[in-house]
Amino acid sequence: MKPAAIVLSHVGSLGRARHPQQTDLTKIDRTIVKEPKYNHEPYYALIVIGPKAEKRVWLVGDGCGTARE
């Protein structure tokens, strides 16, 4: 199953207007090659950095928002 991802933005290029051509964020590869075993259903977020989204960082929350008993 492919994880749902949230692409946050071009964090590295905030406030700069030097790059008139923006990267199409819908075409970024969102494949996660290796994942650990999760205790709960994971929640994913993808942060892309740079004008061409050349740097990518995955954030994964395991058990976000769940009550502990």
N, C-alpha and C. Protein backbone atom coordinates (compact mmCIF):
# COMPACT_ATOMS: atom_id res chain seq x y z
N MET A 1 0.84 -1.18 0.00
CA MET A 1 0.00 0.00 0.00
C MET A 1 0.88 1.24 0.00
N LYS A 2 0.59 2.15 -0.89
CA LYS A 2 1.36 3.39 -0.96
C LYS A 2 0.87 4.34 0.11
N PRO A 3 1.77 4.98 0.83
CA PRO A 3 1.36 5.92 1.87
C PRO A 3 0.85 7.22 1.25
N ALA A 4 -0.12 7.78 1.91
CA ALA A 4 -0.60 9.11 1.50
C ALA A 4 0.41 10.12 1.99
N ALA A 5 0.75 11.07 1.16
CA ALA A 5 1.78 12.04 1.53
C ALA A 5 1.25 13.46 1.41
N ILE A 6 1.80 14.30 2.22
CA ILE A 6 1.48 15.72 2.16
C ILE A 6 2.76 16.43 1.76
N VAL A 7 2.75 17.07 0.64
CA VAL A 7 3.92 17.82 0.21
C VAL A 7 3.75 19.23 0.74
N LEU A 8 4.64 19.62 1.63
CA LEU A 8 4.48 20.88 2.33
C LEU A 8 4.80 22.10 1.49
N SER A 9 5.97 22.14 0.85
CA SER A 9 6.28 23.31 0.03
C SER A 9 7.75 23.30 -0.34
N HIS A 10 8.14 24.31 -1.09
CA HIS A 10 9.55 24.53 -1.40
C HIS A 10 10.15 25.30 -0.24
N VAL A 11 10.46 24.63 0.84
CA VAL A 11 10.92 25.30 2.05
C VAL A 11 12.19 26.10 1.80
N GLY A 12 13.10 25.55 1.03
CA GLY A 12 14.38 26.22 0.78
C GLY A 12 14.28 27.45 -0.08
N SER A 13 13.18 27.64 -0.80
CA SER A 13 13.09 28.79 -1.68
C SER A 13 12.04 29.80 -1.24
N LEU A 14 11.64 29.77 0.02
CA LEU A 14 10.65 30.73 0.50
C LEU A 14 11.19 32.15 0.40
N GLY A 15 10.38 33.03 -0.12
CA GLY A 15 10.77 34.43 -0.20
C GLY A 15 11.66 34.78 -1.36
N ARG A 16 12.01 33.81 -2.20
CA ARG A 16 12.87 34.10 -3.34
C ARG A 16 12.04 34.04 -4.62
N ALA A 17 12.18 35.05 -5.46
CA ALA A 17 11.45 35.07 -6.72
C ALA A 17 12.38 34.85 -7.91
N ARG A 18 13.58 34.33 -7.67
CA ARG A 18 14.56 34.14 -8.74
C ARG A 18 14.22 32.97 -9.65
N HIS A 19 13.38 32.06 -9.20
CA HIS A 19 13.08 30.85 -9.95
C HIS A 19 11.63 30.91 -10.44
N PRO A 20 11.41 31.52 -11.61
CA PRO A 20 10.03 31.66 -12.07
C PRO A 20 9.35 30.33 -12.39
N GLN A 21 10.13 29.32 -12.78
CA GLN A 21 9.56 28.01 -13.07
C GLN A 21 9.52 27.19 -11.80
N GLN A 22 8.33 26.81 -11.38
CA GLN A 22 8.21 26.01 -10.18
C GLN A 22 8.12 24.54 -10.54
N THR A 23 8.60 23.70 -9.66
CA THR A 23 8.54 22.26 -9.85
C THR A 23 7.11 21.79 -9.65
N ASP A 24 6.68 20.87 -10.50
CA ASP A 24 5.34 20.29 -10.36
C ASP A 24 5.40 19.26 -9.23
N LEU A 25 4.87 19.62 -8.07
CA LEU A 25 4.97 18.77 -6.89
C LEU A 25 4.15 17.50 -7.01
N THR A 26 3.23 17.44 -7.95
CA THR A 26 2.44 16.21 -8.13
C THR A 26 3.25 15.11 -8.82
N LYS A 27 4.40 15.46 -9.39
CA LYS A 27 5.21 14.48 -10.12
C LYS A 27 6.41 13.97 -9.31
N ILE A 28 6.50 14.34 -8.05
CA ILE A 28 7.62 13.90 -7.21
C ILE A 28 7.44 12.43 -6.84
N ASP A 29 8.52 11.65 -6.94
CA ASP A 29 8.48 10.24 -6.56
C ASP A 29 8.28 10.15 -5.05
N ARG A 30 7.25 9.42 -4.63
CA ARG A 30 6.93 9.29 -3.20
C ARG A 30 7.18 7.88 -2.69
N THR A 31 8.06 7.16 -3.33
CA THR A 31 8.36 5.80 -2.92
C THR A 31 9.20 5.79 -1.65
N ILE A 32 8.77 5.01 -0.67
CA ILE A 32 9.56 4.80 0.54
C ILE A 32 10.19 3.41 0.38
N VAL A 33 11.50 3.37 0.32
CA VAL A 33 12.20 2.12 0.00
C VAL A 33 12.16 1.13 1.16
N LYS A 34 12.46 1.58 2.36
CA LYS A 34 12.53 0.68 3.50
C LYS A 34 11.81 1.31 4.68
N GLU A 35 10.90 0.57 5.29
CA GLU A 35 10.15 1.07 6.44
C GLU A 35 10.27 0.08 7.60
N PRO A 36 10.26 0.59 8.83
CA PRO A 36 10.25 -0.30 9.98
C PRO A 36 8.86 -0.87 10.20
N LYS A 37 8.74 -1.79 11.14
CA LYS A 37 7.43 -2.29 11.53
C LYS A 37 6.82 -1.26 12.48
N TYR A 38 5.60 -0.84 12.18
CA TYR A 38 4.95 0.17 12.99
C TYR A 38 4.04 -0.47 14.03
N ASN A 39 3.88 0.20 15.16
CA ASN A 39 2.98 -0.28 16.22
C ASN A 39 1.53 0.11 15.93
N HIS A 40 1.34 1.20 15.21
CA HIS A 40 0.01 1.72 14.88
C HIS A 40 0.02 2.10 13.41
N GLU A 41 -1.12 2.54 12.92
CA GLU A 41 -1.17 3.01 11.54
C GLU A 41 -0.34 4.28 11.41
N PRO A 42 0.63 4.30 10.50
CA PRO A 42 1.50 5.47 10.38
C PRO A 42 0.83 6.61 9.60
N TYR A 43 1.25 7.82 9.92
CA TYR A 43 0.85 9.02 9.20
C TYR A 43 2.10 9.60 8.56
N TYR A 44 2.01 9.99 7.29
CA TYR A 44 3.17 10.43 6.54
C TYR A 44 3.07 11.89 6.15
N ALA A 45 4.25 12.54 6.05
CA ALA A 45 4.36 13.88 5.48
C ALA A 45 5.69 13.94 4.75
N LEU A 46 5.68 14.56 3.59
CA LEU A 46 6.90 14.71 2.80
C LEU A 46 7.23 16.19 2.71
N ILE A 47 8.45 16.54 3.09
CA ILE A 47 8.93 17.92 2.97
C ILE A 47 9.93 17.94 1.82
N VAL A 48 9.74 18.85 0.88
CA VAL A 48 10.69 19.01 -0.22
C VAL A 48 11.40 20.35 -0.04
N ILE A 49 12.69 20.35 -0.34
CA ILE A 49 13.53 21.53 -0.12
C ILE A 49 14.26 21.87 -1.41
N GLY A 50 14.27 23.14 -1.74
CA GLY A 50 14.99 23.61 -2.91
C GLY A 50 14.05 23.98 -4.04
N PRO A 51 14.53 24.80 -4.97
CA PRO A 51 13.68 25.25 -6.07
C PRO A 51 13.24 24.13 -7.00
N LYS A 52 13.99 23.05 -7.05
CA LYS A 52 13.62 21.91 -7.88
C LYS A 52 13.25 20.70 -7.03
N ALA A 53 13.02 20.91 -5.77
CA ALA A 53 12.64 19.85 -4.82
C ALA A 53 13.66 18.72 -4.83
N GLU A 54 14.93 19.07 -4.90
CA GLU A 54 15.98 18.05 -4.98
C GLU A 54 16.26 17.36 -3.64
N LYS A 55 15.93 17.98 -2.55
CA LYS A 55 16.09 17.37 -1.23
C LYS A 55 14.71 17.00 -0.70
N ARG A 56 14.58 15.77 -0.19
CA ARG A 56 13.29 15.30 0.33
C ARG A 56 13.47 14.67 1.69
N VAL A 57 12.55 14.98 2.59
CA VAL A 57 12.60 14.43 3.95
C VAL A 57 11.21 13.88 4.27
N TRP A 58 11.17 12.61 4.66
CA TRP A 58 9.91 11.99 5.08
C TRP A 58 9.77 12.13 6.59
N LEU A 59 8.58 12.51 7.04
CA LEU A 59 8.23 12.51 8.45
C LEU A 59 7.16 11.45 8.63
N VAL A 60 7.35 10.56 9.59
CA VAL A 60 6.38 9.50 9.83
C VAL A 60 6.01 9.49 11.30
N GLY A 61 4.71 9.56 11.55
CA GLY A 61 4.21 9.49 12.93
C GLY A 61 3.57 8.14 13.15
N ASP A 62 3.98 7.45 14.17
CA ASP A 62 3.45 6.12 14.49
C ASP A 62 2.58 6.26 15.75
N GLY A 63 1.29 6.23 15.56
CA GLY A 63 0.38 6.35 16.70
C GLY A 63 0.03 7.79 17.03
N CYS A 64 0.12 8.68 16.07
CA CYS A 64 -0.23 10.08 16.30
C CYS A 64 -1.68 10.22 16.68
N GLY A 65 -1.93 10.93 17.74
CA GLY A 65 -3.30 11.22 18.15
C GLY A 65 -4.05 10.06 18.78
N THR A 66 -3.35 9.01 19.16
CA THR A 66 -4.04 7.89 19.79
C THR A 66 -3.91 7.99 21.30
N ALA A 67 -4.96 7.62 21.99
CA ALA A 67 -4.95 7.65 23.46
C ALA A 67 -4.21 6.42 24.00
N ARG A 68 -3.42 6.64 24.98
CA ARG A 68 -2.69 5.53 25.63
C ARG A 68 -3.51 5.01 26.80
N GLU A 69 -3.60 3.71 26.89
CA GLU A 69 -4.37 3.13 27.99
C GLU A 69 -3.46 2.45 28.99
